[in-house]
Amino acid sequence: MKEKNFVPENNLAWQGGDIDYYGPNWRSQRKKARIRDNFTCQDCGLTEKEYGKELSVHHIIPFREFKGDWEEANRLSNLVCLCEHPCHRNRHKNNMVDDIV
């Protein structure tokens, strides 16, 4: 049955869905990462001013891999500023390919 492949849990790329909460220090760590990265996408060099909105802050090692240890997951060394499209989406796409292979 073809339809069962479209159920998220049956798809090899499925990683458990969105995470809505990144811990009590997320907002402050997110702000520190944006300041550290000079409000600039670390993949393409686009600035927030050029982008017209705040950049995304990406967990280099996915948050879910820390199994709830938000302090470790949100260390500045694990965060990087990226424009949402295409850089942040590309990072997630590449992570999915790495997880499948």
PDB file of N, CA and C in Angstrom:
ATOM      1  N   MET A   1       0.841  -1.173   0.000  1.00  0.00           N
ATOM      2  CA  MET A   1       0.000   0.000   0.000  1.00  0.00           C
ATOM      3  C   MET A   1       0.888   1.239   0.000  1.00  0.00           C
ATOM      4  N   LYS A   2       0.787   2.034  -1.022  1.00  0.00           N
ATOM      5  CA  LYS A   2       1.624   3.203  -1.205  1.00  0.00           C
ATOM      6  C   LYS A   2       1.425   4.259  -0.111  1.00  0.00           C
ATOM      7  N   GLU A   3       0.193   4.435   0.374  1.00  0.00           N
ATOM      8  CA  GLU A   3      -0.124   5.480   1.331  1.00  0.00           C
ATOM      9  C   GLU A   3       0.650   5.347   2.641  1.00  0.00           C
ATOM     10  N   LYS A   4       0.977   4.136   3.074  1.00  0.00           N
ATOM     11  CA  LYS A   4       1.658   3.973   4.358  1.00  0.00           C
ATOM     12  C   LYS A   4       3.040   4.622   4.368  1.00  0.00           C
ATOM     13  N   ASN A   5       3.644   4.808   3.187  1.00  0.00           N
ATOM     14  CA  ASN A   5       4.947   5.477   3.116  1.00  0.00           C
ATOM     15  C   ASN A   5       4.853   6.961   3.408  1.00  0.00           C
ATOM     16  N   PHE A   6       3.654   7.510   3.326  1.00  0.00           N
ATOM     17  CA  PHE A   6       3.473   8.928   3.587  1.00  0.00           C
ATOM     18  C   PHE A   6       3.158   9.212   5.052  1.00  0.00           C
ATOM     19  N   VAL A   7       3.004   8.186   5.862  1.00  0.00           N
ATOM     20  CA  VAL A   7       2.840   8.356   7.303  1.00  0.00           C
ATOM     21  C   VAL A   7       4.218   8.696   7.850  1.00  0.00           C
ATOM     22  N   PRO A   8       4.362   9.814   8.571  1.00  0.00           N
ATOM     23  CA  PRO A   8       5.698  10.258   8.988  1.00  0.00           C
ATOM     24  C   PRO A   8       6.566   9.166   9.619  1.00  0.00           C
ATOM     25  N   GLU A   9       5.993   8.369  10.497  1.00  0.00           N
ATOM     26  CA  GLU A   9       6.791   7.365  11.209  1.00  0.00           C
ATOM     27  C   GLU A   9       7.332   6.281  10.280  1.00  0.00           C
ATOM     28  N   ASN A  10       6.732   6.114   9.092  1.00  0.00           N
ATOM     29  CA  ASN A  10       7.171   5.096   8.136  1.00  0.00           C
ATOM     30  C   ASN A  10       8.192   5.627   7.137  1.00  0.00           C
ATOM     31  N   ASN A  11       8.436   6.909   7.162  1.00  0.00           N
ATOM     32  CA  ASN A  11       9.358   7.532   6.228  1.00  0.00           C
ATOM     33  C   ASN A  11      10.759   7.533   6.818  1.00  0.00           C
ATOM     34  N   LEU A  12      11.762   7.116   6.046  1.00  0.00           N
ATOM     35  CA  LEU A  12      13.135   7.050   6.551  1.00  0.00           C
ATOM     36  C   LEU A  12      13.689   8.401   6.985  1.00  0.00           C
ATOM     37  N   ALA A  13      13.143   9.482   6.426  1.00  0.00           N
ATOM     38  CA  ALA A  13      13.626  10.820   6.776  1.00  0.00           C
ATOM     39  C   ALA A  13      12.981  11.364   8.052  1.00  0.00           C
ATOM     40  N   TRP A  14      11.962  10.691   8.580  1.00  0.00           N
ATOM     41  CA  TRP A  14      11.239  11.166   9.763  1.00  0.00           C
ATOM     42  C   TRP A  14      12.169  11.207  10.970  1.00  0.00           C
ATOM     43  N   GLN A  15      12.172  12.333  11.673  1.00  0.00           N
ATOM     44  CA  GLN A  15      13.035  12.494  12.839  1.00  0.00           C
ATOM     45  C   GLN A  15      12.247  12.845  14.091  1.00  0.00           C
ATOM     46  N   GLY A  16      10.948  12.620  14.089  1.00  0.00           N
ATOM     47  CA  GLY A  16      10.173  12.825  15.299  1.00  0.00           C
ATOM     48  C   GLY A  16       9.371  14.104  15.347  1.00  0.00           C
ATOM     49  N   GLY A  17       9.333  14.883  14.318  1.00  0.00           N
ATOM     50  CA  GLY A  17       8.511  16.090  14.300  1.00  0.00           C
ATOM     51  C   GLY A  17       9.199  17.292  14.912  1.00  0.00           C
ATOM     52  N   ASP A  18       8.480  18.400  14.898  1.00  0.00           N
ATOM     53  CA  ASP A  18       9.027  19.656  15.403  1.00  0.00           C
ATOM     54  C   ASP A  18       9.142  19.642  16.925  1.00  0.00           C
ATOM     55  N   ILE A  19      10.112  20.382  17.415  1.00  0.00           N
ATOM     56  CA  ILE A  19      10.281  20.588  18.844  1.00  0.00           C
ATOM     57  C   ILE A  19       9.866  22.027  19.122  1.00  0.00           C
ATOM     58  N   ASP A  20       8.945  22.206  20.049  1.00  0.00           N
ATOM     59  CA  ASP A  20       8.405  23.534  20.328  1.00  0.00           C
ATOM     60  C   ASP A  20       9.137  24.269  21.451  1.00  0.00           C
ATOM     61  N   TYR A  21       9.900  23.543  22.253  1.00  0.00           N
ATOM     62  CA  TYR A  21      10.526  24.162  23.420  1.00  0.00           C
ATOM     63  C   TYR A  21      11.983  23.722  23.509  1.00  0.00           C
ATOM     64  N   TYR A  22      12.882  24.692  23.541  1.00  0.00           N
ATOM     65  CA  TYR A  22      14.319  24.411  23.567  1.00  0.00           C
ATOM     66  C   TYR A  22      14.962  24.721  24.919  1.00  0.00           C
ATOM     67  N   GLY A  23      14.162  24.798  25.961  1.00  0.00           N
ATOM     68  CA  GLY A  23      14.697  25.029  27.298  1.00  0.00           C
ATOM     69  C   GLY A  23      14.611  26.477  27.719  1.00  0.00           C
ATOM     70  N   PRO A  24      14.782  26.729  29.026  1.00  0.00           N
ATOM     71  CA  PRO A  24      14.609  28.076  29.567  1.00  0.00           C
ATOM     72  C   PRO A  24      15.687  29.071  29.143  1.00  0.00           C
ATOM     73  N   ASN A  25      16.818  28.593  28.644  1.00  0.00           N
ATOM     74  CA  ASN A  25      17.882  29.520  28.238  1.00  0.00           C
ATOM     75  C   ASN A  25      17.882  29.778  26.735  1.00  0.00           C
ATOM     76  N   TRP A  26      16.924  29.234  26.009  1.00  0.00           N
ATOM     77  CA  TRP A  26      16.947  29.329  24.551  1.00  0.00           C
ATOM     78  C   TRP A  26      16.960  30.769  24.048  1.00  0.00           C
ATOM     79  N   ARG A  27      16.085  31.600  24.564  1.00  0.00           N
ATOM     80  CA  ARG A  27      16.012  32.985  24.055  1.00  0.00           C
ATOM     81  C   ARG A  27      17.325  33.736  24.247  1.00  0.00           C
ATOM     82  N   SER A  28      17.940  33.575  25.420  1.00  0.00           N
ATOM     83  CA  SER A  28      19.196  34.286  25.671  1.00  0.00           C
ATOM     84  C   SER A  28      20.335  33.704  24.830  1.00  0.00           C
ATOM     85  N   GLN A  29      20.380  32.380  24.679  1.00  0.00           N
ATOM     86  CA  GLN A  29      21.431  31.761  23.865  1.00  0.00           C
ATOM     87  C   GLN A  29      21.259  32.128  22.395  1.00  0.00           C
ATOM     88  N   ARG A  30      20.026  32.174  21.953  1.00  0.00           N
ATOM     89  CA  ARG A  30      19.725  32.562  20.575  1.00  0.00           C
ATOM     90  C   ARG A  30      20.229  33.983  20.310  1.00  0.00           C
ATOM     91  N   LYS A  31      19.961  34.881  21.251  1.00  0.00           N
ATOM     92  CA  LYS A  31      20.411  36.269  21.107  1.00  0.00           C
ATOM     93  C   LYS A  31      21.939  36.343  21.086  1.00  0.00           C
ATOM     94  N   LYS A  32      22.595  35.601  21.995  1.00  0.00           N
ATOM     95  CA  LYS A  32      24.064  35.588  22.039  1.00  0.00           C
ATOM     96  C   LYS A  32      24.653  35.059  20.738  1.00  0.00           C
ATOM     97  N   ALA A  33      24.036  34.038  20.163  1.00  0.00           N
ATOM     98  CA  ALA A  33      24.529  33.477  18.898  1.00  0.00           C
ATOM     99  C   ALA A  33      24.402  34.504  17.773  1.00  0.00           C
ATOM    100  N   ARG A  34      23.301  35.224  17.729  1.00  0.00           N
ATOM    101  CA  ARG A  34      23.114  36.246  16.699  1.00  0.00           C
ATOM    102  C   ARG A  34      24.147  37.352  16.834  1.00  0.00           C
ATOM    103  N   ILE A  35      24.425  37.771  18.060  1.00  0.00           N
ATOM    104  CA  ILE A  35      25.451  38.800  18.301  1.00  0.00           C
ATOM    105  C   ILE A  35      26.823  38.261  17.905  1.00  0.00           C
ATOM    106  N   ARG A  36      27.157  37.052  18.366  1.00  0.00           N
ATOM    107  CA  ARG A  36      28.456  36.442  18.047  1.00  0.00           C
ATOM    108  C   ARG A  36      28.677  36.355  16.533  1.00  0.00           C
ATOM    109  N   ASP A  37      27.621  35.979  15.807  1.00  0.00           N
ATOM    110  CA  ASP A  37      27.739  35.807  14.359  1.00  0.00           C
ATOM    111  C   ASP A  37      27.506  37.111  13.595  1.00  0.00           C
ATOM    112  N   ASN A  38      27.481  38.220  14.335  1.00  0.00           N
ATOM    113  CA  ASN A  38      27.350  39.556  13.741  1.00  0.00           C
ATOM    114  C   ASN A  38      26.089  39.673  12.871  1.00  0.00           C
ATOM    115  N   PHE A  39      24.998  38.992  13.318  1.00  0.00           N
ATOM    116  CA  PHE A  39      23.715  39.063  12.632  1.00  0.00           C
ATOM    117  C   PHE A  39      23.852  38.694  11.148  1.00  0.00           C
ATOM    118  N   THR A  40      24.725  37.704  10.879  1.00  0.00           N
ATOM    119  CA  THR A  40      25.064  37.320   9.509  1.00  0.00           C
ATOM    120  C   THR A  40      24.941  35.810   9.334  1.00  0.00           C
ATOM    121  N   CYS A  41      24.336  35.386   8.233  1.00  0.00           N
ATOM    122  CA  CYS A  41      24.248  33.966   7.911  1.00  0.00           C
ATOM    123  C   CYS A  41      25.664  33.420   7.738  1.00  0.00           C
ATOM    124  N   GLN A  42      25.969  32.366   8.460  1.00  0.00           N
ATOM    125  CA  GLN A  42      27.321  31.819   8.448  1.00  0.00           C
ATOM    126  C   GLN A  42      27.594  30.936   7.231  1.00  0.00           C
ATOM    127  N   ASP A  43      26.570  30.668   6.419  1.00  0.00           N
ATOM    128  CA  ASP A  43      26.792  29.900   5.193  1.00  0.00           C
ATOM    129  C   ASP A  43      26.914  30.789   3.961  1.00  0.00           C
ATOM    130  N   CYS A  44      26.054  31.808   3.845  1.00  0.00           N
ATOM    131  CA  CYS A  44      26.069  32.616   2.614  1.00  0.00           C
ATOM    132  C   CYS A  44      26.488  34.069   2.824  1.00  0.00           C
ATOM    133  N   GLY A  45      26.564  34.525   4.082  1.00  0.00           N
ATOM    134  CA  GLY A  45      27.014  35.887   4.353  1.00  0.00           C
ATOM    135  C   GLY A  45      25.930  36.945   4.346  1.00  0.00           C
ATOM    136  N   LEU A  46      24.683  36.563   4.144  1.00  0.00           N
ATOM    137  CA  LEU A  46      23.573  37.509   4.150  1.00  0.00           C
ATOM    138  C   LEU A  46      23.363  38.056   5.558  1.00  0.00           C
ATOM    139  N   THR A  47      23.200  39.366   5.681  1.00  0.00           N
ATOM    140  CA  THR A  47      22.964  39.969   6.989  1.00  0.00           C
ATOM    141  C   THR A  47      21.467  40.058   7.273  1.00  0.00           C
ATOM    142  N   GLU A  48      21.119  40.219   8.553  1.00  0.00           N
ATOM    143  CA  GLU A  48      19.712  40.391   8.913  1.00  0.00           C
ATOM    144  C   GLU A  48      19.135  41.632   8.247  1.00  0.00           C
ATOM    145  N   LYS A  49      19.932  42.668   8.121  1.00  0.00           N
ATOM    146  CA  LYS A  49      19.460  43.899   7.487  1.00  0.00           C
ATOM    147  C   LYS A  49      19.090  43.618   6.029  1.00  0.00           C
ATOM    148  N   GLU A  50      19.940  42.878   5.324  1.00  0.00           N
ATOM    149  CA  GLU A  50      19.658  42.531   3.931  1.00  0.00           C
ATOM    150  C   GLU A  50      18.469  41.568   3.829  1.00  0.00           C
ATOM    151  N   TYR A  51      18.382  40.655   4.776  1.00  0.00           N
ATOM    152  CA  TYR A  51      17.349  39.624   4.789  1.00  0.00           C
ATOM    153  C   TYR A  51      15.979  40.196   5.135  1.00  0.00           C
ATOM    154  N   GLY A  52      15.975  41.259   5.946  1.00  0.00           N
ATOM    155  CA  GLY A  52      14.727  41.923   6.306  1.00  0.00           C
ATOM    156  C   GLY A  52      14.028  41.345   7.521  1.00  0.00           C
ATOM    157  N   LYS A  53      14.650  40.374   8.180  1.00  0.00           N
ATOM    158  CA  LYS A  53      14.101  39.801   9.409  1.00  0.00           C
ATOM    159  C   LYS A  53      15.215  39.059  10.133  1.00  0.00           C
ATOM    160  N   GLU A  54      14.899  38.580  11.340  1.00  0.00           N
ATOM    161  CA  GLU A  54      15.906  37.863  12.113  1.00  0.00           C
ATOM    162  C   GLU A  54      16.284  36.553  11.438  1.00  0.00           C
ATOM    163  N   LEU A  55      17.555  36.221  11.521  1.00  0.00           N
ATOM    164  CA  LEU A  55      18.028  34.945  11.006  1.00  0.00           C
ATOM    165  C   LEU A  55      17.611  33.817  11.940  1.00  0.00           C
ATOM    166  N   SER A  56      17.582  32.615  11.411  1.00  0.00           N
ATOM    167  CA  SER A  56      17.342  31.425  12.223  1.00  0.00           C
ATOM    168  C   SER A  56      18.608  31.098  12.995  1.00  0.00           C
ATOM    169  N   VAL A  57      18.446  30.494  14.162  1.00  0.00           N
ATOM    170  CA  VAL A  57      19.590  29.975  14.915  1.00  0.00           C
ATOM    171  C   VAL A  57      19.437  28.456  14.903  1.00  0.00           C
ATOM    172  N   HIS A  58      20.411  27.793  14.326  1.00  0.00           N
ATOM    173  CA  HIS A  58      20.374  26.355  14.052  1.00  0.00           C
ATOM    174  C   HIS A  58      21.226  25.587  15.048  1.00  0.00           C
ATOM    175  N   HIS A  59      20.714  24.461  15.529  1.00  0.00           N
ATOM    176  CA  HIS A  59      21.497  23.541  16.354  1.00  0.00           C
ATOM    177  C   HIS A  59      22.343  22.679  15.411  1.00  0.00           C
ATOM    178  N   ILE A  60      23.649  22.774  15.495  1.00  0.00           N
ATOM    179  CA  ILE A  60      24.542  22.004  14.632  1.00  0.00           C
ATOM    180  C   ILE A  60      24.327  20.505  14.879  1.00  0.00           C
ATOM    181  N   ILE A  61      24.415  20.095  16.128  1.00  0.00           N
ATOM    182  CA  ILE A  61      23.990  18.747  16.514  1.00  0.00           C
ATOM    183  C   ILE A  61      22.529  18.900  16.904  1.00  0.00           C
ATOM    184  N   PRO A  62      21.625  18.179  16.247  1.00  0.00           N
ATOM    185  CA  PRO A  62      20.196  18.392  16.498  1.00  0.00           C
ATOM    186  C   PRO A  62      19.815  18.300  17.976  1.00  0.00           C
ATOM    187  N   PHE A  63      18.930  19.202  18.376  1.00  0.00           N
ATOM    188  CA  PHE A  63      18.468  19.295  19.766  1.00  0.00           C
ATOM    189  C   PHE A  63      18.006  17.940  20.296  1.00  0.00           C
ATOM    190  N   ARG A  64      17.275  17.200  19.489  1.00  0.00           N
ATOM    191  CA  ARG A  64      16.701  15.919  19.941  1.00  0.00           C
ATOM    192  C   ARG A  64      17.780  14.908  20.332  1.00  0.00           C
ATOM    193  N   GLU A  65      18.978  15.045  19.794  1.00  0.00           N
ATOM    194  CA  GLU A  65      20.058  14.109  20.123  1.00  0.00           C
ATOM    195  C   GLU A  65      20.574  14.282  21.548  1.00  0.00           C
ATOM    196  N   PHE A  66      20.227  15.399  22.190  1.00  0.00           N
ATOM    197  CA  PHE A  66      20.660  15.650  23.562  1.00  0.00           C
ATOM    198  C   PHE A  66      19.677  15.091  24.587  1.00  0.00           C
ATOM    199  N   LYS A  67      18.605  14.479  24.120  1.00  0.00           N
ATOM    200  CA  LYS A  67      17.635  13.789  24.980  1.00  0.00           C
ATOM    201  C   LYS A  67      17.170  14.638  26.167  1.00  0.00           C
ATOM    202  N   GLY A  68      16.839  15.910  25.875  1.00  0.00           N
ATOM    203  CA  GLY A  68      16.309  16.798  26.904  1.00  0.00           C
ATOM    204  C   GLY A  68      17.348  17.620  27.651  1.00  0.00           C
ATOM    205  N   ASP A  69      18.635  17.389  27.402  1.00  0.00           N
ATOM    206  CA  ASP A  69      19.689  18.170  28.068  1.00  0.00           C
ATOM    207  C   ASP A  69      19.861  19.502  27.336  1.00  0.00           C
ATOM    208  N   TRP A  70      18.955  20.430  27.629  1.00  0.00           N
ATOM    209  CA  TRP A  70      18.924  21.699  26.918  1.00  0.00           C
ATOM    210  C   TRP A  70      20.171  22.543  27.157  1.00  0.00           C
ATOM    211  N   GLU A  71      20.820  22.397  28.309  1.00  0.00           N
ATOM    212  CA  GLU A  71      22.034  23.185  28.556  1.00  0.00           C
ATOM    213  C   GLU A  71      23.131  22.814  27.568  1.00  0.00           C
ATOM    214  N   GLU A  72      23.316  21.525  27.332  1.00  0.00           N
ATOM    215  CA  GLU A  72      24.323  21.070  26.366  1.00  0.00           C
ATOM    216  C   GLU A  72      23.903  21.421  24.943  1.00  0.00           C
ATOM    217  N   ALA A  73      22.639  21.176  24.631  1.00  0.00           N
ATOM    218  CA  ALA A  73      22.138  21.426  23.278  1.00  0.00           C
ATOM    219  C   ALA A  73      22.264  22.894  22.886  1.00  0.00           C
ATOM    220  N   ASN A  74      22.077  23.785  23.858  1.00  0.00           N
ATOM    221  CA  ASN A  74      22.068  25.222  23.576  1.00  0.00           C
ATOM    222  C   ASN A  74      23.405  25.915  23.840  1.00  0.00           C
ATOM    223  N   ARG A  75      24.467  25.152  23.974  1.00  0.00           N
ATOM    224  CA  ARG A  75      25.795  25.781  24.089  1.00  0.00           C
ATOM    225  C   ARG A  75      26.073  26.576  22.820  1.00  0.00           C
ATOM    226  N   LEU A  76      26.700  27.722  22.969  1.00  0.00           N
ATOM    227  CA  LEU A  76      26.980  28.557  21.799  1.00  0.00           C
ATOM    228  C   LEU A  76      27.784  27.811  20.737  1.00  0.00           C
ATOM    229  N   SER A  77      28.635  26.896  21.147  1.00  0.00           N
ATOM    230  CA  SER A  77      29.435  26.139  20.180  1.00  0.00           C
ATOM    231  C   SER A  77      28.569  25.201  19.335  1.00  0.00           C
ATOM    232  N   ASN A  78      27.313  24.994  19.734  1.00  0.00           N
ATOM    233  CA  ASN A  78      26.400  24.141  18.978  1.00  0.00           C
ATOM    234  C   ASN A  78      25.367  24.953  18.198  1.00  0.00           C
ATOM    235  N   LEU A  79      25.494  26.261  18.201  1.00  0.00           N
ATOM    236  CA  LEU A  79      24.521  27.131  17.535  1.00  0.00           C
ATOM    237  C   LEU A  79      25.190  27.924  16.422  1.00  0.00           C
ATOM    238  N   VAL A  80      24.452  28.115  15.344  1.00  0.00           N
ATOM    239  CA  VAL A  80      24.959  28.897  14.217  1.00  0.00           C
ATOM    240  C   VAL A  80      23.789  29.656  13.582  1.00  0.00           C
ATOM    241  N   CYS A  81      24.039  30.897  13.172  1.00  0.00           N
ATOM    242  CA  CYS A  81      23.019  31.726  12.527  1.00  0.00           C
ATOM    243  C   CYS A  81      22.982  31.424  11.030  1.00  0.00           C
ATOM    244  N   LEU A  82      21.754  31.246  10.535  1.00  0.00           N
ATOM    245  CA  LEU A  82      21.553  30.940   9.117  1.00  0.00           C
ATOM    246  C   LEU A  82      20.309  31.651   8.604  1.00  0.00           C
ATOM    247  N   CYS A  83      20.331  32.067   7.330  1.00  0.00           N
ATOM    248  CA  CYS A  83      19.091  32.532   6.713  1.00  0.00           C
ATOM    249  C   CYS A  83      18.209  31.299   6.535  1.00  0.00           C
ATOM    250  N   GLU A  84      16.911  31.499   6.596  1.00  0.00           N
ATOM    251  CA  GLU A  84      16.003  30.341   6.539  1.00  0.00           C
ATOM    252  C   GLU A  84      16.061  29.644   5.181  1.00  0.00           C
ATOM    253  N   HIS A  85      16.059  30.454   4.128  1.00  0.00           N
ATOM    254  CA  HIS A  85      16.074  29.861   2.789  1.00  0.00           C
ATOM    255  C   HIS A  85      17.144  30.548   1.953  1.00  0.00           C
ATOM    256  N   PRO A  86      18.096  29.817   1.453  1.00  0.00           N
ATOM    257  CA  PRO A  86      18.126  28.363   1.411  1.00  0.00           C
ATOM    258  C   PRO A  86      18.984  27.695   2.497  1.00  0.00           C
ATOM    259  N   CYS A  87      19.773  28.450   3.241  1.00  0.00           N
ATOM    260  CA  CYS A  87      20.830  27.849   4.071  1.00  0.00           C
ATOM    261  C   CYS A  87      20.313  26.947   5.193  1.00  0.00           C
ATOM    262  N   HIS A  88      19.349  27.428   5.996  1.00  0.00           N
ATOM    263  CA  HIS A  88      18.842  26.602   7.100  1.00  0.00           C
ATOM    264  C   HIS A  88      18.159  25.346   6.555  1.00  0.00           C
ATOM    265  N   ARG A  89      17.377  25.509   5.512  1.00  0.00           N
ATOM    266  CA  ARG A  89      16.712  24.351   4.911  1.00  0.00           C
ATOM    267  C   ARG A  89      17.727  23.363   4.354  1.00  0.00           C
ATOM    268  N   ASN A  90      18.787  23.873   3.758  1.00  0.00           N
ATOM    269  CA  ASN A  90      19.834  22.981   3.228  1.00  0.00           C
ATOM    270  C   ASN A  90      20.516  22.201   4.342  1.00  0.00           C
ATOM    271  N   ARG A  91      20.767  22.850   5.480  1.00  0.00           N
ATOM    272  CA  ARG A  91      21.384  22.134   6.605  1.00  0.00           C
ATOM    273  C   ARG A  91      20.498  20.982   7.059  1.00  0.00           C
ATOM    274  N   HIS A  92      19.181  21.221   7.139  1.00  0.00           N
ATOM    275  CA  HIS A  92      18.275  20.155   7.555  1.00  0.00           C
ATOM    276  C   HIS A  92      18.183  19.064   6.490  1.00  0.00           C
ATOM    277  N   LYS A  93      18.168  19.474   5.242  1.00  0.00           N
ATOM    278  CA  LYS A  93      18.118  18.491   4.155  1.00  0.00           C
ATOM    279  C   LYS A  93      19.360  17.614   4.186  1.00  0.00           C
ATOM    280  N   ASN A  94      20.519  18.228   4.382  1.00  0.00           N
ATOM    281  CA  ASN A  94      21.775  17.466   4.440  1.00  0.00           C
ATOM    282  C   ASN A  94      21.805  16.545   5.646  1.00  0.00           C
ATOM    283  N   ASN A  95      21.265  16.985   6.801  1.00  0.00           N
ATOM    284  CA  ASN A  95      21.204  16.127   7.981  1.00  0.00           C
ATOM    285  C   ASN A  95      20.352  14.901   7.715  1.00  0.00           C
ATOM    286  N   MET A  96      19.242  15.066   7.006  1.00  0.00           N
ATOM    287  CA  MET A  96      18.380  13.929   6.721  1.00  0.00           C
ATOM    288  C   MET A  96      19.092  12.927   5.828  1.00  0.00           C
ATOM    289  N   VAL A  97      19.824  13.409   4.843  1.00  0.00           N
ATOM    290  CA  VAL A  97      20.556  12.523   3.939  1.00  0.00           C
ATOM    291  C   VAL A  97      21.625  11.775   4.741  1.00  0.00           C
ATOM    292  N   ASP A  98      22.337  12.465   5.621  1.00  0.00           N
ATOM    293  CA  ASP A  98      23.363  11.824   6.450  1.00  0.00           C
ATOM    294  C   ASP A  98      22.762  10.745   7.340  1.00  0.00           C
ATOM    295  N   ASP A  99      21.559  10.999   7.898  1.00  0.00           N
ATOM    296  CA  ASP A  99      20.912  10.037   8.789  1.00  0.00           C
ATOM    297  C   ASP A  99      20.453   8.796   8.036  1.00  0.00           C
ATOM    298  N   ILE A 100      20.074   8.956   6.775  1.00  0.00           N
ATOM    299  CA  ILE A 100      19.578   7.835   5.999  1.00  0.00           C
ATOM    300  C   ILE A 100      20.724   6.972   5.500  1.00  0.00           C
ATOM    301  N   VAL A 101      21.810   7.596   5.073  1.00  0.00           N
ATOM    302  CA  VAL A 101      22.942   6.864   4.487  1.00  0.00           C
ATOM    303  C   VAL A 101      23.711   6.083   5.521  1.00  0.00           C
TER     304      VAL A 101
END
